[in-house]
Amino acid sequence: MNIQREETGTLTATLRVKLTPEDYNPGVEKALKEQRKNAVLPGFRPGQVPMTLIKKRVGRSVLLNEVERLIDENLRGYLNTNAIRVLGQPLPKAEQVDTNNWDEPGEFEFAYELGMAPNIDVDLDRVKVELPIVDVNDDLIQREVTDMQRRFGKLEDGTSSEDKDMLLGDMIELNEEGAIKEGGIMNRATVSLEYLEDAATKALLTGKTVGDEVTVDPHKVSRDHEDLARMLGIDHDRVHEVSGNFLFRIAEIKRMIPVPLDQDLFDRVLGKDAVADEAGFRAKAKEGLERSFMRDSDRVFKRLVMKALQDQARISLPDGFLKRWIKETSQEPITMEQVEEGYLGYVEGLKRQLVEDHVIEKFGLEARGEEMNDFAIRYIVDQFGQYGMPAPEGAKLQEMAGRMMGDREQIKRMRDTIVQQKLTMHFRSALAPAERKVSFDEFVNLARTA
């Protein structure tokens, strides 16, 4: 097999592949013999079907499979040997005219278009990013304490709905005239007033009693399409067809009555006699919030550093190739207009991944086998601990870890977790960032935009 590379642009190339009968005949002959060995045809003993019949029946498909296998194997070998980092995968040239004769096979020629990853280099010394630290003030502590009081509270029936109540009732689809739609959607649903973002809808559902009926826009009483699908008892695809209003008929009003801020709550949250008074409880609440926010701070800090490195790298991409690759490899048929609509988002994600891959390679931050094994063991021990059970030890524990390591999805999850932790630790160590206190709202906004 012969492979020739032709540069067609800054980050694009064409690979021209030539196969001769000497390349594919051995594999084809071997496959045909296997077919003959297992062939069963009327009038012939098993394994004795003439080869001419075998070739007539399956010869073309065997040839196609062998040629595809050889091309795939050799293209991957060529790219690895020549250290060519491709984006996506090689695509058959769209303008190629197929002159190959599959009925009278001889020399075959193919052409594949490549989109190549750009060379990237980054300099951490040029990055100046602060570590955002949430200012855990009295308001945040009070919010946490109130949440704990409600978390351990008691659910009671309410007579008239208030702004933090939970309403149980029937969601009934209406037609364009506002009457109940015949054969429409009807499902028992729960609406939490506390979490409604639309002020008008929240006001509409406040002050109601059991049996009251309220006309609502279902999209305004749900968080997202997934939540709406559960609320209406339909699958996710059908959610996109939901339009118009629904009647919400209230069947129950539930109210969470918070527990008192006393020693019983202190013990339930922190353990028996961990603190003796409210001041100690608030101090512990503050410590817990600071630990929790520090983990979030590390995640936001890492994203800010990666964003700075991405801006520094100024990455160019073979846009024409990528758009064609997206269109041709999409699981569902899509138009080029649809590709264009989502392309900017795709490109941003790809650039982030390219920079992250470069940083991982440059600073040796890839997860190693022993690290993933240790991670699996810790995970198993933690899982048993959550249920108050002693974890296995020795060979049994290693056997369970081995099963985790044999699961491709688990391997990916462990690898990603370890690598993200390494990235954060490396950035913290290399940059020694100055801390900057920010308000909770500012931090939330930063986390959304970083």
Protein backbone atom coordinates (compact mmCIF):
# COMPACT_ATOMS: atom_id res chain seq x y z
CA MET A 1 0.00 0.00 0.00
CA ASN A 2 1.24 3.45 -0.89
CA ILE A 3 0.13 6.66 0.91
CA GLN A 4 1.09 10.11 -0.39
CA ARG A 5 0.36 13.37 1.41
CA GLU A 6 -0.50 16.61 -0.40
CA GLU A 7 -0.76 19.87 1.56
CA THR A 8 -3.95 21.72 0.62
CA GLY A 9 -3.97 24.50 3.22
CA THR A 10 -2.51 25.66 6.52
CA LEU A 11 -4.26 22.89 8.46
CA THR A 12 -5.63 20.67 5.71
CA ALA A 13 -4.11 17.96 3.56
CA THR A 14 -5.13 15.16 1.21
CA LEU A 15 -3.91 11.60 1.64
CA ARG A 16 -3.86 9.61 -1.60
CA VAL A 17 -3.97 5.89 -1.04
CA LYS A 18 -3.10 3.20 -3.58
CA LEU A 19 -3.76 -0.52 -3.08
CA THR A 20 -2.56 -3.28 -5.35
CA PRO A 21 -3.85 -6.87 -5.53
CA GLU A 22 -0.78 -7.89 -3.52
CA ASP A 23 -2.15 -5.78 -0.65
CA TYR A 24 -5.68 -7.12 -0.49
CA ASN A 25 -5.61 -10.60 -2.09
CA PRO A 26 -4.20 -12.47 0.95
CA GLY A 27 -6.95 -11.17 3.21
CA VAL A 28 -9.66 -11.72 0.60
CA GLU A 29 -8.55 -15.30 -0.06
CA LYS A 30 -8.46 -16.08 3.65
CA ALA A 31 -11.96 -14.66 4.17
CA LEU A 32 -13.34 -16.56 1.16
CA LYS A 33 -11.92 -19.83 2.49
CA GLU A 34 -13.63 -19.18 5.81
CA GLN A 35 -16.88 -18.50 3.97
CA ARG A 36 -16.51 -21.74 2.00
CA LYS A 37 -15.77 -23.74 5.14
CA ASN A 38 -19.05 -22.59 6.73
CA ALA A 39 -21.22 -22.38 3.59
CA VAL A 40 -24.31 -24.59 3.32
CA LEU A 41 -25.99 -24.76 -0.10
CA PRO A 42 -28.49 -27.27 -1.49
CA GLY A 43 -26.76 -30.02 -3.47
CA PHE A 44 -23.38 -29.59 -1.81
CA ARG A 45 -21.87 -31.11 1.28
CA PRO A 46 -20.90 -28.62 4.05
CA GLY A 47 -17.54 -27.11 3.22
CA GLN A 48 -17.56 -28.44 -0.36
CA VAL A 49 -19.32 -25.57 -2.15
CA PRO A 50 -17.23 -24.60 -5.24
CA MET A 51 -15.15 -21.46 -4.72
CA THR A 52 -16.63 -19.98 -7.91
CA LEU A 53 -20.07 -19.97 -6.26
CA ILE A 54 -18.69 -18.51 -3.06
CA LYS A 55 -17.03 -15.69 -5.01
CA LYS A 56 -20.22 -15.06 -6.97
CA ARG A 57 -22.32 -14.84 -3.80
CA VAL A 58 -20.05 -12.91 -1.39
CA GLY A 59 -16.87 -12.05 -3.31
CA ARG A 60 -17.66 -8.35 -3.76
CA SER A 61 -18.66 -7.76 -0.12
CA VAL A 62 -15.56 -9.64 1.12
CA LEU A 63 -13.37 -7.47 -1.13
CA LEU A 64 -15.05 -4.27 0.10
CA ASN A 65 -14.61 -5.27 3.74
CA GLU A 66 -10.94 -6.15 3.28
CA VAL A 67 -10.15 -2.93 1.40
CA GLU A 68 -11.92 -0.86 4.09
CA ARG A 69 -10.04 -2.73 6.83
CA LEU A 70 -6.67 -2.18 5.15
CA ILE A 71 -7.31 1.51 4.55
CA ASP A 72 -8.44 2.09 8.13
CA GLU A 73 -5.49 0.19 9.59
CA ASN A 74 -2.88 1.82 7.37
CA LEU A 75 -4.27 5.34 7.67
CA ARG A 76 -4.13 5.09 11.46
CA GLY A 77 -0.59 3.71 11.23
CA TYR A 78 0.48 6.51 8.87
CA LEU A 79 -0.94 9.22 11.14
CA ASN A 80 0.72 7.71 14.23
CA THR A 81 4.08 7.18 12.54
CA ASN A 82 4.16 10.73 11.21
CA ALA A 83 2.78 12.23 14.47
CA ILE A 84 -0.12 13.89 12.64
CA ARG A 85 -2.83 15.06 15.02
CA VAL A 86 -6.12 15.13 13.17
CA LEU A 87 -9.39 16.78 14.06
CA GLY A 88 -12.28 14.39 13.68
CA GLN A 89 -11.25 11.72 11.20
CA PRO A 90 -10.17 11.52 7.54
CA LEU A 91 -13.07 12.06 5.14
CA PRO A 92 -13.34 10.68 1.61
CA LYS A 93 -12.88 13.54 -0.83
CA ALA A 94 -16.30 14.81 -1.91
CA GLU A 95 -15.18 15.63 -5.46
CA GLN A 96 -13.44 12.30 -6.02
CA VAL A 97 -14.65 10.39 -9.07
CA ASP A 98 -14.65 6.66 -8.33
CA THR A 99 -12.78 4.92 -11.15
CA ASN A 100 -12.21 1.73 -9.14
CA ASN A 101 -13.63 -1.40 -10.72
CA TRP A 102 -14.95 -3.70 -8.02
CA ASP A 103 -16.09 -6.35 -10.48
CA GLU A 104 -12.64 -6.67 -12.08
CA PRO A 105 -10.40 -5.60 -9.21
CA GLY A 106 -6.91 -4.38 -9.87
CA GLU A 107 -5.24 -1.28 -8.46
CA PHE A 108 -7.48 0.85 -6.25
CA GLU A 109 -7.02 4.57 -5.57
CA PHE A 110 -8.67 6.63 -2.86
CA ALA A 111 -8.30 10.18 -1.54
CA TYR A 112 -9.03 11.38 1.99
CA GLU A 113 -9.22 14.91 3.30
CA LEU A 114 -7.54 15.69 6.64
CA GLY A 115 -8.18 18.48 9.10
CA MET A 116 -5.18 18.86 11.40
CA ALA A 117 -4.89 20.18 14.93
CA PRO A 118 -2.88 23.40 15.18
CA ASN A 119 0.39 23.62 17.05
CA ILE A 120 -0.27 25.16 20.46
CA ASP A 121 2.09 26.58 23.02
CA VAL A 122 1.22 28.46 26.18
CA ASP A 123 3.22 30.29 28.82
CA LEU A 124 1.86 30.10 32.36
CA ASP A 125 4.19 32.92 33.44
CA ARG A 126 2.09 35.32 31.36
CA VAL A 127 -1.16 34.37 33.11
CA LYS A 128 -2.40 36.63 35.90
CA VAL A 129 -5.54 35.20 37.47
CA GLU A 130 -6.78 35.75 41.00
CA LEU A 131 -8.42 33.09 43.15
CA PRO A 132 -12.02 34.18 43.86
CA ILE A 133 -13.04 33.53 47.47
CA VAL A 134 -16.67 33.90 48.54
CA ASP A 135 -17.14 36.30 51.44
CA VAL A 136 -19.09 34.13 53.87
CA ASN A 137 -20.93 36.93 55.65
CA ASP A 138 -23.77 36.92 58.18
CA ASP A 139 -26.42 36.86 55.44
CA LEU A 140 -25.00 33.68 53.92
CA ILE A 141 -24.67 32.04 57.32
CA GLN A 142 -28.28 32.91 58.14
CA ARG A 143 -29.40 31.45 54.80
CA GLU A 144 -27.56 28.22 55.62
CA VAL A 145 -29.00 28.05 59.15
CA THR A 146 -32.52 28.66 57.82
CA ASP A 147 -32.01 25.93 55.22
CA MET A 148 -30.97 23.48 57.96
CA GLN A 149 -34.04 24.35 60.00
CA ARG A 150 -36.24 23.62 57.00
CA ARG A 151 -34.28 20.51 55.99
CA PHE A 152 -35.08 18.92 59.34
CA GLY A 153 -38.55 20.45 59.49
CA LYS A 154 -41.97 18.86 59.28
CA LEU A 155 -44.30 18.91 56.27
CA GLU A 156 -47.82 20.06 57.16
CA ASP A 157 -51.00 20.89 55.26
CA GLY A 158 -51.65 24.55 54.53
CA THR A 159 -55.03 26.22 54.17
CA SER A 160 -54.01 29.08 51.89
CA SER A 161 -50.88 28.93 49.71
CA GLU A 162 -47.86 31.04 50.68
CA ASP A 163 -44.75 31.92 48.70
CA LYS A 164 -42.66 28.95 49.91
CA ASP A 165 -45.36 26.28 49.76
CA MET A 166 -45.52 23.19 47.59
CA LEU A 167 -48.72 22.69 45.60
CA LEU A 168 -49.90 19.26 44.42
CA GLY A 169 -52.54 19.20 41.74
CA ASP A 170 -53.61 18.20 38.25
CA MET A 171 -52.12 19.78 35.13
CA ILE A 172 -54.84 19.70 32.45
CA GLU A 173 -54.22 20.80 28.86
CA LEU A 174 -56.52 23.50 27.46
CA ASN A 175 -57.49 24.17 23.87
CA GLU A 176 -57.23 27.51 22.05
CA GLU A 177 -60.63 28.58 23.43
CA GLY A 178 -59.50 27.96 27.01
CA ALA A 179 -61.66 24.85 27.51
CA ILE A 180 -60.30 21.46 28.56
CA LYS A 181 -58.78 19.83 25.49
CA GLU A 182 -60.40 16.53 24.53
CA GLY A 183 -57.75 13.79 24.65
CA GLY A 184 -55.21 16.31 25.92
CA ILE A 185 -52.53 15.91 28.57
CA MET A 186 -53.62 15.37 32.17
CA ASN A 187 -51.16 14.55 34.93
CA ARG A 188 -50.72 14.95 38.70
CA ALA A 189 -47.87 17.41 39.28
CA THR A 190 -46.04 19.29 42.01
CA VAL A 191 -45.25 23.01 41.86
CA SER A 192 -42.82 24.53 44.37
CA LEU A 193 -43.67 28.21 44.71
CA GLU A 194 -40.34 28.94 46.37
CA TYR A 195 -38.42 28.16 43.18
CA LEU A 196 -40.68 29.81 40.59
CA GLU A 197 -38.73 32.47 38.71
CA ASP A 198 -41.68 34.13 36.98
CA ALA A 199 -43.05 36.67 39.50
CA ALA A 200 -46.47 36.94 37.85
CA THR A 201 -47.02 33.16 37.92
CA LYS A 202 -45.86 32.99 41.52
CA ALA A 203 -48.31 35.72 42.52
CA LEU A 204 -51.08 33.93 40.61
CA LEU A 205 -50.57 30.75 42.65
CA THR A 206 -50.21 32.50 46.02
CA GLY A 207 -53.23 32.84 48.30
CA LYS A 208 -55.08 29.89 46.78
CA THR A 209 -56.92 27.08 48.59
CA VAL A 210 -57.54 23.39 47.86
CA GLY A 211 -59.92 23.04 44.90
CA ASP A 212 -58.97 26.36 43.29
CA GLU A 213 -58.21 26.28 39.56
CA VAL A 214 -55.56 28.50 37.98
CA THR A 215 -54.64 28.87 34.30
CA VAL A 216 -50.86 28.71 33.88
CA ASP A 217 -48.21 28.58 31.19
CA PRO A 218 -46.54 25.19 31.84
CA HIS A 219 -43.16 26.53 30.75
CA LYS A 220 -43.30 29.09 33.59
CA VAL A 221 -43.92 26.55 36.36
CA SER A 222 -41.01 24.27 35.37
CA ARG A 223 -37.24 24.71 35.43
CA ASP A 224 -36.43 23.24 32.02
CA HIS A 225 -37.71 20.80 29.40
CA GLU A 226 -36.70 17.78 31.48
CA ASP A 227 -38.60 19.10 34.50
CA LEU A 228 -41.61 19.91 32.31
CA ALA A 229 -41.63 16.40 30.83
CA ARG A 230 -41.83 14.92 34.34
CA MET A 231 -44.49 17.41 35.37
CA LEU A 232 -46.73 16.55 32.40
CA GLY A 233 -45.93 12.82 32.34
CA ILE A 234 -44.66 12.88 28.72
CA ASP A 235 -41.36 12.08 27.01
CA HIS A 236 -38.77 14.75 26.32
CA ASP A 237 -39.38 14.90 22.55
CA ARG A 238 -43.06 15.68 23.03
CA VAL A 239 -42.23 18.65 25.27
CA HIS A 240 -41.22 20.64 22.19
CA GLU A 241 -44.78 20.33 20.89
CA VAL A 242 -46.36 21.69 24.10
CA SER A 243 -47.88 25.14 23.58
CA GLY A 244 -50.71 27.12 25.08
CA ASN A 245 -51.99 27.12 28.65
CA PHE A 246 -52.88 24.44 31.17
CA LEU A 247 -55.39 24.38 33.99
CA PHE A 248 -53.79 23.66 37.36
CA ARG A 249 -56.36 22.28 39.80
CA ILE A 250 -54.97 22.41 43.36
CA ALA A 251 -55.44 19.17 45.34
CA GLU A 252 -53.07 19.71 48.28
CA ILE A 253 -51.05 22.51 49.86
CA LYS A 254 -47.92 21.41 51.69
CA ARG A 255 -45.85 23.68 53.94
CA MET A 256 -42.49 22.97 55.52
CA ILE A 257 -42.51 24.01 59.18
CA PRO A 258 -38.88 24.66 60.24
CA VAL A 259 -37.58 23.18 63.49
CA PRO A 260 -36.46 25.50 66.29
CA LEU A 261 -32.86 26.66 66.44
CA ASP A 262 -31.99 24.66 69.54
CA GLN A 263 -29.74 21.92 70.87
CA ASP A 264 -31.79 19.20 69.19
CA LEU A 265 -31.03 20.71 65.77
CA PHE A 266 -27.36 21.23 66.67
CA ASP A 267 -27.06 17.53 67.56
CA ARG A 268 -28.92 16.32 64.48
CA VAL A 269 -26.72 18.34 62.12
CA LEU A 270 -23.31 18.07 63.81
CA GLY A 271 -23.55 15.12 66.18
CA LYS A 272 -24.22 14.82 69.90
CA ASP A 273 -22.80 17.77 71.90
CA ALA A 274 -20.53 18.92 69.03
CA VAL A 275 -21.57 22.50 69.93
CA ALA A 276 -23.33 23.85 73.01
CA ASP A 277 -24.94 27.04 71.75
CA GLU A 278 -26.14 29.01 68.73
CA ALA A 279 -22.86 30.90 68.37
CA GLY A 280 -20.96 27.62 68.06
CA PHE A 281 -23.53 26.29 65.56
CA ARG A 282 -23.19 29.39 63.38
CA ALA A 283 -19.40 29.13 63.55
CA LYS A 284 -19.59 25.51 62.32
CA ALA A 285 -22.00 26.55 59.59
CA LYS A 286 -19.50 29.17 58.46
CA GLU A 287 -16.67 26.62 58.38
CA GLY A 288 -18.78 24.26 56.29
CA LEU A 289 -19.70 26.99 53.82
CA GLU A 290 -16.08 28.09 53.47
CA ARG A 291 -14.96 24.51 52.74
CA SER A 292 -17.72 24.05 50.20
CA PHE A 293 -17.05 27.38 48.49
CA MET A 294 -13.30 26.67 48.39
CA ARG A 295 -13.95 23.62 46.20
CA ASP A 296 -16.08 25.82 43.95
CA SER A 297 -13.35 28.49 43.98
CA ASP A 298 -10.81 25.96 42.74
CA ARG A 299 -13.09 24.93 39.87
CA VAL A 300 -13.74 28.53 38.84
CA PHE A 301 -10.05 29.40 39.17
CA LYS A 302 -9.09 26.50 36.88
CA ARG A 303 -11.64 27.61 34.28
CA LEU A 304 -10.36 31.20 34.45
CA VAL A 305 -6.78 30.02 33.90
CA MET A 306 -7.82 27.81 30.98
CA LYS A 307 -9.75 30.72 29.47
CA ALA A 308 -6.66 32.96 29.77
CA LEU A 309 -4.50 30.28 28.13
CA GLN A 310 -7.03 29.86 25.33
CA ASP A 311 -7.01 33.62 24.68
CA GLN A 312 -3.22 33.54 24.71
CA ALA A 313 -3.00 30.63 22.24
CA ARG A 314 -5.03 32.40 19.50
CA ILE A 315 -6.04 29.11 17.89
CA SER A 316 -6.92 28.87 14.20
CA LEU A 317 -8.91 25.92 12.90
CA PRO A 318 -9.70 24.41 9.46
CA ASP A 319 -13.28 25.65 9.53
CA GLY A 320 -14.32 24.33 6.11
CA PHE A 321 -13.19 20.81 6.93
CA LEU A 322 -14.75 20.83 10.39
CA LYS A 323 -18.13 21.97 9.09
CA ARG A 324 -18.13 19.20 6.52
CA TRP A 325 -17.00 16.67 9.15
CA ILE A 326 -19.81 17.69 11.52
CA LYS A 327 -22.40 17.38 8.76
CA GLU A 328 -21.19 14.00 7.47
CA THR A 329 -20.69 12.34 10.86
CA SER A 330 -23.87 13.61 12.55
CA GLN A 331 -26.04 10.78 13.90
CA GLU A 332 -29.12 12.56 12.55
CA PRO A 333 -29.25 14.17 9.08
CA ILE A 334 -28.55 17.90 9.34
CA THR A 335 -28.27 20.74 6.85
CA MET A 336 -25.29 23.02 6.41
CA GLU A 337 -27.45 25.84 7.79
CA GLN A 338 -27.89 23.87 11.02
CA VAL A 339 -24.14 23.27 11.14
CA GLU A 340 -23.51 27.01 10.80
CA GLU A 341 -25.99 27.78 13.60
CA GLY A 342 -24.16 25.64 16.16
CA TYR A 343 -20.63 26.04 14.84
CA LEU A 344 -19.41 28.82 17.11
CA GLY A 345 -20.36 26.86 20.22
CA TYR A 346 -18.70 23.74 18.85
CA VAL A 347 -15.51 25.63 18.03
CA GLU A 348 -15.26 27.17 21.50
CA GLY A 349 -15.56 23.74 23.08
CA LEU A 350 -12.97 22.28 20.70
CA LYS A 351 -10.49 25.09 21.41
CA ARG A 352 -10.86 24.59 25.17
CA GLN A 353 -10.23 20.87 24.73
CA LEU A 354 -7.17 21.43 22.52
CA VAL A 355 -5.62 23.82 25.05
CA GLU A 356 -6.39 21.47 27.94
CA ASP A 357 -4.89 18.50 26.09
CA HIS A 358 -1.76 20.54 25.37
CA VAL A 359 -1.36 21.62 28.99
CA ILE A 360 -1.86 18.05 30.24
CA GLU A 361 0.82 16.80 27.85
CA LYS A 362 3.24 19.69 28.38
CA PHE A 363 3.26 19.40 32.17
CA GLY A 364 2.83 15.63 32.44
CA LEU A 365 -0.59 15.73 34.12
CA GLU A 366 -2.13 12.64 32.56
CA ALA A 367 -3.65 10.11 34.95
CA ARG A 368 -1.47 7.03 35.48
CA GLY A 369 -2.67 3.47 35.94
CA GLU A 370 -1.74 3.27 39.62
CA GLU A 371 -3.51 6.57 40.30
CA MET A 372 -6.74 5.27 38.78
CA ASN A 373 -6.42 2.04 40.75
CA ASP A 374 -5.98 4.03 43.99
CA PHE A 375 -8.95 6.20 43.00
CA ALA A 376 -11.12 3.12 42.45
CA ILE A 377 -10.15 1.72 45.86
CA ARG A 378 -10.95 5.01 47.64
CA TYR A 379 -14.26 5.22 45.80
CA ILE A 380 -15.28 1.72 46.88
CA VAL A 381 -14.28 2.37 50.51
CA ASP A 382 -16.27 5.63 50.50
CA GLN A 383 -19.33 3.89 49.03
CA PHE A 384 -19.32 1.30 51.80
CA GLY A 385 -18.77 4.06 54.36
CA GLN A 386 -21.86 5.93 53.18
CA TYR A 387 -23.96 2.93 54.13
CA GLY A 388 -22.17 2.42 57.44
CA MET A 389 -20.62 -0.84 56.27
CA PRO A 390 -17.00 -1.99 56.56
CA ALA A 391 -15.23 -2.07 53.21
CA PRO A 392 -13.60 -5.27 51.93
CA GLU A 393 -9.87 -5.53 52.36
CA GLY A 394 -6.90 -7.03 50.54
CA ALA A 395 -7.55 -9.17 47.49
CA LYS A 396 -11.33 -8.73 47.65
CA LEU A 397 -11.02 -4.92 47.58
CA GLN A 398 -8.53 -5.09 44.71
CA GLU A 399 -10.86 -7.44 42.83
CA MET A 400 -13.70 -4.90 43.08
CA ALA A 401 -11.35 -2.13 41.97
CA GLY A 402 -10.31 -4.29 39.02
CA ARG A 403 -13.92 -4.63 37.91
CA MET A 404 -14.27 -0.85 37.97
CA MET A 405 -11.09 -0.54 35.94
CA GLY A 406 -12.59 -2.88 33.35
CA ASP A 407 -15.56 -0.58 32.72
CA ARG A 408 -14.83 1.93 29.95
CA GLU A 409 -17.22 4.57 31.30
CA GLN A 410 -15.81 4.23 34.83
CA ILE A 411 -12.27 4.53 33.46
CA LYS A 412 -13.17 7.76 31.67
CA ARG A 413 -14.86 9.20 34.76
CA MET A 414 -11.88 8.35 36.98
CA ARG A 415 -9.38 9.67 34.45
CA ASP A 416 -11.24 12.95 34.00
CA THR A 417 -11.57 13.48 37.77
CA ILE A 418 -7.87 12.84 38.42
CA VAL A 419 -6.74 15.05 35.53
CA GLN A 420 -8.98 17.94 36.62
CA GLN A 421 -7.57 17.70 40.15
CA LYS A 422 -4.02 17.69 38.77
CA LEU A 423 -4.72 20.73 36.60
CA THR A 424 -6.05 22.69 39.56
CA MET A 425 -3.13 21.72 41.80
CA HIS A 426 -0.61 22.55 39.09
CA PHE A 427 -2.14 25.97 38.42
CA ARG A 428 -2.34 26.76 42.14
CA SER A 429 1.31 25.78 42.60
CA ALA A 430 2.69 27.43 39.47
CA LEU A 431 0.73 30.69 39.69
CA ALA A 432 0.48 31.14 43.49
CA PRO A 433 -2.65 33.27 42.88
CA ALA A 434 -3.62 36.17 45.09
CA GLU A 435 -6.99 35.69 46.76
CA ARG A 436 -9.84 38.09 46.00
CA LYS A 437 -12.94 38.15 48.17
CA VAL A 438 -16.18 38.45 46.23
CA SER A 439 -19.84 38.47 47.16
CA PHE A 440 -21.91 35.34 46.68
CA ASP A 441 -23.85 36.88 43.76
CA GLU A 442 -20.62 38.02 42.09
CA PHE A 443 -19.19 34.55 42.49
CA VAL A 444 -22.27 32.91 40.95
CA ASN A 445 -22.03 35.24 37.96
CA LEU A 446 -18.32 34.49 37.65
CA ALA A 447 -18.99 30.76 37.73
CA ARG A 448 -21.58 31.13 34.94
CA THR A 449 -19.35 33.14 32.64
CA ALA A 450 -15.86 31.71 33.29
